All heavy atoms as atom14 arrays in JSON, in Angstrom:
{
  "sequence": "KEVRDGASELMNHSRYILPDALRDAWDMAQKVDIER",
  "atom14_mask": [
    [1, 1, 1, 1, 1, 1, 1, 1, 1, 0, 0, 0, 0, 0],
    [1, 1, 1, 1, 1, 1, 1, 1, 1, 0, 0, 0, 0, 0],
    [1, 1, 1, 1, 1, 1, 1, 0, 0, 0, 0, 0, 0, 0],
    [1, 1, 1, 1, 1, 1, 1, 1, 1, 1, 1, 0, 0, 0],
    [1, 1, 1, 1, 1, 1, 1, 1, 0, 0, 0, 0, 0, 0],
    [1, 1, 1, 1, 0, 0, 0, 0, 0, 0, 0, 0, 0, 0],
    [1, 1, 1, 1, 1, 0, 0, 0, 0, 0, 0, 0, 0, 0],
    [1, 1, 1, 1, 1, 1, 0, 0, 0, 0, 0, 0, 0, 0],
    [1, 1, 1, 1, 1, 1, 1, 1, 1, 0, 0, 0, 0, 0],
    [1, 1, 1, 1, 1, 1, 1, 1, 0, 0, 0, 0, 0, 0],
    [1, 1, 1, 1, 1, 1, 1, 1, 0, 0, 0, 0, 0, 0],
    [1, 1, 1, 1, 1, 1, 1, 1, 0, 0, 0, 0, 0, 0],
    [1, 1, 1, 1, 1, 1, 1, 1, 1, 1, 0, 0, 0, 0],
    [1, 1, 1, 1, 1, 1, 0, 0, 0, 0, 0, 0, 0, 0],
    [1, 1, 1, 1, 1, 1, 1, 1, 1, 1, 1, 0, 0, 0],
    [1, 1, 1, 1, 1, 1, 1, 1, 1, 1, 1, 1, 0, 0],
    [1, 1, 1, 1, 1, 1, 1, 1, 0, 0, 0, 0, 0, 0],
    [1, 1, 1, 1, 1, 1, 1, 1, 0, 0, 0, 0, 0, 0],
    [1, 1, 1, 1, 1, 1, 1, 0, 0, 0, 0, 0, 0, 0],
    [1, 1, 1, 1, 1, 1, 1, 1, 0, 0, 0, 0, 0, 0],
    [1, 1, 1, 1, 1, 0, 0, 0, 0, 0, 0, 0, 0, 0],
    [1, 1, 1, 1, 1, 1, 1, 1, 0, 0, 0, 0, 0, 0],
    [1, 1, 1, 1, 1, 1, 1, 1, 1, 1, 1, 0, 0, 0],
    [1, 1, 1, 1, 1, 1, 1, 1, 0, 0, 0, 0, 0, 0],
    [1, 1, 1, 1, 1, 0, 0, 0, 0, 0, 0, 0, 0, 0],
    [1, 1, 1, 1, 1, 1, 1, 1, 1, 1, 1, 1, 1, 1],
    [1, 1, 1, 1, 1, 1, 1, 1, 0, 0, 0, 0, 0, 0],
    [1, 1, 1, 1, 1, 1, 1, 1, 0, 0, 0, 0, 0, 0],
    [1, 1, 1, 1, 1, 0, 0, 0, 0, 0, 0, 0, 0, 0],
    [1, 1, 1, 1, 1, 1, 1, 1, 1, 0, 0, 0, 0, 0],
    [1, 1, 1, 1, 1, 1, 1, 1, 1, 0, 0, 0, 0, 0],
    [1, 1, 1, 1, 1, 1, 1, 0, 0, 0, 0, 0, 0, 0],
    [1, 1, 1, 1, 1, 1, 1, 1, 0, 0, 0, 0, 0, 0],
    [1, 1, 1, 1, 1, 1, 1, 1, 0, 0, 0, 0, 0, 0],
    [1, 1, 1, 1, 1, 1, 1, 1, 1, 0, 0, 0, 0, 0],
    [1, 1, 1, 1, 1, 1, 1, 1, 1, 1, 1, 0, 0, 0]
  ],
  "atom14_positions": [
    [[17.33, 15.07, -1.55], [15.94, 14.6, -1.56], [15.44, 14.34, -2.97], [14.71, 13.37, -3.22], [15.05, 15.64, -0.88], [13.59, 15.19, -0.72], [12.78, 16.24, 0.01], [11.36, 15.77, 0.29], [10.63, 15.45, -0.95], [0.0, 0.0, 0.0], [0.0, 0.0, 0.0], [0.0, 0.0, 0.0], [0.0, 0.0, 0.0], [0.0, 0.0, 0.0]],
    [[15.83, 15.18, -3.91], [15.4, 14.99, -5.3], [15.8, 13.61, -5.81], [15.03, 12.95, -6.52], [16.04, 16.06, -6.19], [15.75, 15.84, -7.68], [16.68, 16.64, -8.59], [17.5, 17.43, -8.08], [16.57, 16.45, -9.82], [0.0, 0.0, 0.0], [0.0, 0.0, 0.0], [0.0, 0.0, 0.0], [0.0, 0.0, 0.0], [0.0, 0.0, 0.0]],
    [[17.0, 13.18, -5.43], [17.5, 11.88, -5.9], [16.8, 10.75, -5.16], [16.42, 9.74, -5.76], [19.03, 11.79, -5.73], [19.55, 10.42, -6.15], [19.72, 12.89, -6.54], [0.0, 0.0, 0.0], [0.0, 0.0, 0.0], [0.0, 0.0, 0.0], [0.0, 0.0, 0.0], [0.0, 0.0, 0.0], [0.0, 0.0, 0.0], [0.0, 0.0, 0.0]],
    [[16.61, 10.9, -3.84], [15.9, 9.86, -3.09], [14.47, 9.7, -3.6], [13.95, 8.6, -3.71], [15.88, 10.17, -1.59], [17.23, 10.05, -0.9], [17.05, 9.83, 0.6], [16.18, 10.82, 1.22], [16.58, 11.99, 1.68], [17.86, 12.34, 1.6], [15.72, 12.82, 2.25], [0.0, 0.0, 0.0], [0.0, 0.0, 0.0], [0.0, 0.0, 0.0]],
    [[13.84, 10.82, -3.92], [12.47, 10.78, -4.44], [12.41, 10.29, -5.88], [11.33, 9.95, -6.39], [11.84, 12.17, -4.37], [11.6, 12.64, -2.95], [11.66, 11.79, -2.03], [11.36, 13.84, -2.75], [0.0, 0.0, 0.0], [0.0, 0.0, 0.0], [0.0, 0.0, 0.0], [0.0, 0.0, 0.0], [0.0, 0.0, 0.0], [0.0, 0.0, 0.0]],
    [[13.57, 10.23, -6.52], [13.61, 9.81, -7.92], [13.1, 8.39, -8.14], [12.52, 8.09, -9.19], [0.0, 0.0, 0.0], [0.0, 0.0, 0.0], [0.0, 0.0, 0.0], [0.0, 0.0, 0.0], [0.0, 0.0, 0.0], [0.0, 0.0, 0.0], [0.0, 0.0, 0.0], [0.0, 0.0, 0.0], [0.0, 0.0, 0.0], [0.0, 0.0, 0.0]],
    [[13.29, 7.53, -7.15], [12.83, 6.15, -7.28], [11.32, 6.11, -7.46], [10.8, 5.47, -8.38], [13.24, 5.33, -6.06], [0.0, 0.0, 0.0], [0.0, 0.0, 0.0], [0.0, 0.0, 0.0], [0.0, 0.0, 0.0], [0.0, 0.0, 0.0], [0.0, 0.0, 0.0], [0.0, 0.0, 0.0], [0.0, 0.0, 0.0], [0.0, 0.0, 0.0]],
    [[10.59, 6.83, -6.6], [9.13, 6.86, -6.71], [8.71, 7.54, -8.01], [7.75, 7.1, -8.67], [8.53, 7.61, -5.53], [8.76, 6.92, -4.32], [0.0, 0.0, 0.0], [0.0, 0.0, 0.0], [0.0, 0.0, 0.0], [0.0, 0.0, 0.0], [0.0, 0.0, 0.0], [0.0, 0.0, 0.0], [0.0, 0.0, 0.0], [0.0, 0.0, 0.0]],
    [[9.43, 8.58, -8.39], [9.09, 9.3, -9.62], [9.27, 8.39, -10.84], [8.41, 8.36, -11.74], [9.98, 10.54, -9.76], [9.61, 11.43, -10.93], [10.52, 12.65, -11.03], [11.3, 12.88, -10.1], [10.44, 13.34, -12.07], [0.0, 0.0, 0.0], [0.0, 0.0, 0.0], [0.0, 0.0, 0.0], [0.0, 0.0, 0.0], [0.0, 0.0, 0.0]],
    [[10.36, 7.63, -10.86], [10.61, 6.73, -11.98], [9.55, 5.65, -12.06], [9.03, 5.33, -13.14], [12.0, 6.1, -11.84], [12.37, 5.06, -12.9], [12.4, 5.7, -14.29], [13.73, 4.44, -12.59], [0.0, 0.0, 0.0], [0.0, 0.0, 0.0], [0.0, 0.0, 0.0], [0.0, 0.0, 0.0], [0.0, 0.0, 0.0], [0.0, 0.0, 0.0]],
    [[9.19, 5.06, -10.9], [8.21, 3.99, -10.9], [6.81, 4.51, -11.3], [6.09, 3.86, -12.06], [8.15, 3.32, -9.53], [9.47, 2.71, -9.09], [10.23, 1.65, -10.33], [9.03, 0.35, -10.46], [0.0, 0.0, 0.0], [0.0, 0.0, 0.0], [0.0, 0.0, 0.0], [0.0, 0.0, 0.0], [0.0, 0.0, 0.0], [0.0, 0.0, 0.0]],
    [[6.46, 5.68, -10.8], [5.13, 6.23, -11.12], [5.02, 6.65, -12.58], [4.0, 6.43, -13.23], [4.82, 7.42, -10.2], [4.53, 7.0, -8.78], [4.07, 5.89, -8.53], [4.82, 7.87, -7.83], [0.0, 0.0, 0.0], [0.0, 0.0, 0.0], [0.0, 0.0, 0.0], [0.0, 0.0, 0.0], [0.0, 0.0, 0.0], [0.0, 0.0, 0.0]],
    [[6.09, 7.26, -13.1], [6.06, 7.67, -14.5], [6.04, 6.44, -15.41], [5.33, 6.41, -16.42], [7.27, 8.54, -14.81], [7.27, 9.08, -16.2], [6.18, 9.7, -16.76], [8.23, 9.08, -17.17], [6.46, 10.08, -18.01], [7.7, 9.7, -18.28], [0.0, 0.0, 0.0], [0.0, 0.0, 0.0], [0.0, 0.0, 0.0], [0.0, 0.0, 0.0]],
    [[6.79, 5.41, -15.05], [6.8, 4.17, -15.83], [5.42, 3.53, -15.8], [4.93, 3.02, -16.82], [7.85, 3.2, -15.27], [9.15, 3.74, -15.36], [0.0, 0.0, 0.0], [0.0, 0.0, 0.0], [0.0, 0.0, 0.0], [0.0, 0.0, 0.0], [0.0, 0.0, 0.0], [0.0, 0.0, 0.0], [0.0, 0.0, 0.0], [0.0, 0.0, 0.0]],
    [[4.79, 3.56, -14.65], [3.44, 3.0, -14.52], [2.46, 3.73, -15.43], [1.6, 3.12, -16.07], [2.98, 3.11, -13.06], [1.62, 2.47, -12.79], [1.19, 2.69, -11.33], [0.04, 1.88, -10.99], [-1.22, 2.2, -11.26], [-1.48, 3.35, -11.89], [-2.21, 1.39, -10.91], [0.0, 0.0, 0.0], [0.0, 0.0, 0.0], [0.0, 0.0, 0.0]],
    [[2.59, 5.04, -15.49], [1.73, 5.85, -16.34], [1.88, 5.47, -17.81], [0.9, 5.44, -18.57], [2.06, 7.33, -16.13], [1.45, 8.27, -17.14], [0.11, 8.61, -17.06], [2.23, 8.81, -18.16], [-0.46, 9.48, -18.0], [1.68, 9.66, -19.1], [0.34, 9.99, -19.02], [-0.21, 10.85, -19.95], [0.0, 0.0, 0.0], [0.0, 0.0, 0.0]],
    [[3.11, 5.13, -18.21], [3.39, 4.79, -19.6], [2.79, 3.44, -19.97], [2.31, 3.24, -21.09], [4.92, 4.76, -19.82], [5.49, 6.18, -19.76], [5.28, 4.09, -21.14], [7.0, 6.23, -19.76], [0.0, 0.0, 0.0], [0.0, 0.0, 0.0], [0.0, 0.0, 0.0], [0.0, 0.0, 0.0], [0.0, 0.0, 0.0], [0.0, 0.0, 0.0]],
    [[2.77, 2.51, -19.04], [2.34, 1.15, -19.34], [0.84, 1.08, -19.64], [0.06, 1.85, -19.09], [2.65, 0.23, -18.16], [4.13, -0.06, -17.88], [4.28, -0.78, -16.55], [4.73, -0.9, -19.01], [0.0, 0.0, 0.0], [0.0, 0.0, 0.0], [0.0, 0.0, 0.0], [0.0, 0.0, 0.0], [0.0, 0.0, 0.0], [0.0, 0.0, 0.0]],
    [[0.43, 0.13, -20.48], [-1.01, -0.1, -20.7], [-1.7, -0.49, -19.39], [-1.07, -1.09, -18.5], [-1.03, -1.26, -21.7], [0.32, -1.24, -22.35], [1.27, -0.74, -21.31], [0.0, 0.0, 0.0], [0.0, 0.0, 0.0], [0.0, 0.0, 0.0], [0.0, 0.0, 0.0], [0.0, 0.0, 0.0], [0.0, 0.0, 0.0], [0.0, 0.0, 0.0]],
    [[-2.98, -0.21, -19.29], [-3.73, -0.5, -18.07], [-3.62, -1.95, -17.65], [-3.53, -2.26, -16.46], [-5.21, -0.15, -18.27], [-5.45, 1.36, -18.34], [-4.53, 2.12, -18.01], [-6.56, 1.76, -18.74], [0.0, 0.0, 0.0], [0.0, 0.0, 0.0], [0.0, 0.0, 0.0], [0.0, 0.0, 0.0], [0.0, 0.0, 0.0], [0.0, 0.0, 0.0]],
    [[-3.63, -2.86, -18.62], [-3.62, -4.3, -18.31], [-2.35, -4.75, -17.6], [-2.34, -5.79, -16.94], [-3.79, -5.11, -19.59], [0.0, 0.0, 0.0], [0.0, 0.0, 0.0], [0.0, 0.0, 0.0], [0.0, 0.0, 0.0], [0.0, 0.0, 0.0], [0.0, 0.0, 0.0], [0.0, 0.0, 0.0], [0.0, 0.0, 0.0], [0.0, 0.0, 0.0]],
    [[-1.29, -3.96, -17.69], [-0.01, -4.35, -17.12], [0.27, -3.69, -15.77], [1.26, -4.02, -15.11], [1.13, -4.01, -18.09], [1.03, -4.62, -19.49], [2.16, -4.1, -20.37], [1.07, -6.14, -19.42], [0.0, 0.0, 0.0], [0.0, 0.0, 0.0], [0.0, 0.0, 0.0], [0.0, 0.0, 0.0], [0.0, 0.0, 0.0], [0.0, 0.0, 0.0]],
    [[-0.58, -2.78, -15.35], [-0.26, -1.97, -14.18], [-0.36, -2.73, -12.87], [0.38, -2.45, -11.92], [-1.15, -0.72, -14.15], [-0.78, 0.27, -15.25], [-1.69, 1.48, -15.29], [-1.29, 2.4, -16.33], [-1.96, 3.49, -16.68], [-3.1, 3.78, -16.04], [-1.53, 4.27, -17.65], [0.0, 0.0, 0.0], [0.0, 0.0, 0.0], [0.0, 0.0, 0.0]],
    [[-1.28, -3.69, -12.79], [-1.41, -4.45, -11.55], [-0.14, -5.24, -11.26], [0.39, -5.21, -10.14], [-2.61, -5.4, -11.63], [-2.9, -6.08, -10.29], [-3.13, -5.36, -9.31], [-2.89, -7.32, -10.24], [0.0, 0.0, 0.0], [0.0, 0.0, 0.0], [0.0, 0.0, 0.0], [0.0, 0.0, 0.0], [0.0, 0.0, 0.0], [0.0, 0.0, 0.0]],
    [[0.38, -5.92, -12.27], [1.62, -6.67, -12.1], [2.78, -5.72, -11.81], [3.67, -6.03, -11.0], [1.9, -7.51, -13.34], [0.0, 0.0, 0.0], [0.0, 0.0, 0.0], [0.0, 0.0, 0.0], [0.0, 0.0, 0.0], [0.0, 0.0, 0.0], [0.0, 0.0, 0.0], [0.0, 0.0, 0.0], [0.0, 0.0, 0.0], [0.0, 0.0, 0.0]],
    [[2.8, -4.56, -12.46], [3.86, -3.58, -12.23], [3.87, -3.11, -10.77], [4.92, -3.03, -10.14], [3.68, -2.38, -13.15], [4.68, -1.29, -12.96], [4.53, -0.14, -12.25], [6.02, -1.27, -13.49], [5.68, 0.61, -12.29], [6.6, -0.05, -13.04], [6.76, -2.13, -14.27], [7.91, 0.29, -13.39], [8.07, -1.78, -14.61], [8.63, -0.58, -14.16]],
    [[2.68, -2.82, -10.25], [2.59, -2.37, -8.86], [3.15, -3.41, -7.9], [3.77, -3.07, -6.89], [1.14, -2.06, -8.5], [0.64, -0.77, -9.14], [1.47, 0.08, -9.49], [-0.59, -0.63, -9.29], [0.0, 0.0, 0.0], [0.0, 0.0, 0.0], [0.0, 0.0, 0.0], [0.0, 0.0, 0.0], [0.0, 0.0, 0.0], [0.0, 0.0, 0.0]],
    [[2.9, -4.69, -8.19], [3.39, -5.74, -7.31], [4.86, -6.04, -7.53], [5.53, -6.56, -6.64], [2.56, -7.01, -7.51], [1.12, -6.89, -7.02], [1.01, -6.43, -5.26], [1.79, -7.85, -4.5], [0.0, 0.0, 0.0], [0.0, 0.0, 0.0], [0.0, 0.0, 0.0], [0.0, 0.0, 0.0], [0.0, 0.0, 0.0], [0.0, 0.0, 0.0]],
    [[5.38, -5.7, -8.72], [6.79, -5.98, -9.01], [7.72, -4.89, -8.48], [8.9, -5.15, -8.2], [7.0, -6.13, -10.52], [0.0, 0.0, 0.0], [0.0, 0.0, 0.0], [0.0, 0.0, 0.0], [0.0, 0.0, 0.0], [0.0, 0.0, 0.0], [0.0, 0.0, 0.0], [0.0, 0.0, 0.0], [0.0, 0.0, 0.0], [0.0, 0.0, 0.0]],
    [[7.21, -3.67, -8.34], [8.07, -2.59, -7.86], [8.36, -2.76, -6.37], [7.57, -3.34, -5.63], [7.42, -1.23, -8.15], [6.05, -1.01, -7.52], [6.08, -0.51, -6.08], [7.07, 0.1, -5.64], [5.03, -0.78, -5.33], [0.0, 0.0, 0.0], [0.0, 0.0, 0.0], [0.0, 0.0, 0.0], [0.0, 0.0, 0.0], [0.0, 0.0, 0.0]],
    [[9.49, -2.29, -5.91], [9.86, -2.43, -4.5], [10.09, -1.08, -3.82], [10.71, -1.02, -2.76], [11.1, -3.32, -4.37], [12.31, -2.8, -5.11], [13.45, -3.84, -5.13], [14.04, -4.09, -3.78], [15.24, -4.98, -3.87], [0.0, 0.0, 0.0], [0.0, 0.0, 0.0], [0.0, 0.0, 0.0], [0.0, 0.0, 0.0], [0.0, 0.0, 0.0]],
    [[9.59, -0.02, -4.43], [9.8, 1.32, -3.89], [8.68, 1.7, -2.93], [8.91, 2.29, -1.88], [9.9, 2.35, -5.04], [9.98, 3.76, -4.47], [11.11, 2.05, -5.92], [0.0, 0.0, 0.0], [0.0, 0.0, 0.0], [0.0, 0.0, 0.0], [0.0, 0.0, 0.0], [0.0, 0.0, 0.0], [0.0, 0.0, 0.0], [0.0, 0.0, 0.0]],
    [[7.44, 1.35, -3.28], [6.27, 1.73, -2.48], [5.65, 0.47, -1.89], [4.75, -0.13, -2.48], [5.27, 2.49, -3.35], [4.12, 3.1, -2.55], [3.96, 2.72, -1.37], [3.38, 3.93, -3.11], [0.0, 0.0, 0.0], [0.0, 0.0, 0.0], [0.0, 0.0, 0.0], [0.0, 0.0, 0.0], [0.0, 0.0, 0.0], [0.0, 0.0, 0.0]],
    [[6.12, 0.09, -0.71], [5.64, -1.14, -0.07], [4.17, -1.0, 0.33], [3.39, -1.95, 0.23], [6.49, -1.48, 1.17], [7.97, -1.59, 0.77], [6.01, -2.78, 1.8], [8.25, -2.61, -0.29], [0.0, 0.0, 0.0], [0.0, 0.0, 0.0], [0.0, 0.0, 0.0], [0.0, 0.0, 0.0], [0.0, 0.0, 0.0], [0.0, 0.0, 0.0]],
    [[3.78, 0.17, 0.8], [2.4, 0.36, 1.23], [1.41, 0.14, 0.09], [0.32, -0.4, 0.29], [2.22, 1.77, 1.82], [2.93, 1.97, 3.15], [2.49, 0.95, 4.2], [1.26, 0.71, 4.31], [3.36, 0.4, 4.89], [0.0, 0.0, 0.0], [0.0, 0.0, 0.0], [0.0, 0.0, 0.0], [0.0, 0.0, 0.0], [0.0, 0.0, 0.0]],
    [[1.79, 0.57, -1.1], [0.91, 0.34, -2.25], [0.72, -1.16, -2.48], [-0.4, -1.62, -2.74], [1.49, 0.98, -3.51], [0.67, 0.67, -4.77], [1.31, 1.21, -6.03], [1.21, 2.65, -6.12], [1.69, 3.38, -7.13], [2.29, 2.78, -8.14], [1.56, 4.68, -7.15], [0.0, 0.0, 0.0], [0.0, 0.0, 0.0], [0.0, 0.0, 0.0]]
  ]
}
């Protein structure tokens, strides 16, 4: 489970690192959280 959950963890942590102006495009570019 830790490894399966790693995808969401990586995407969320990367999103946190990015400047605010880039987060909307990042959310749409990621393919881990379809509901988002």
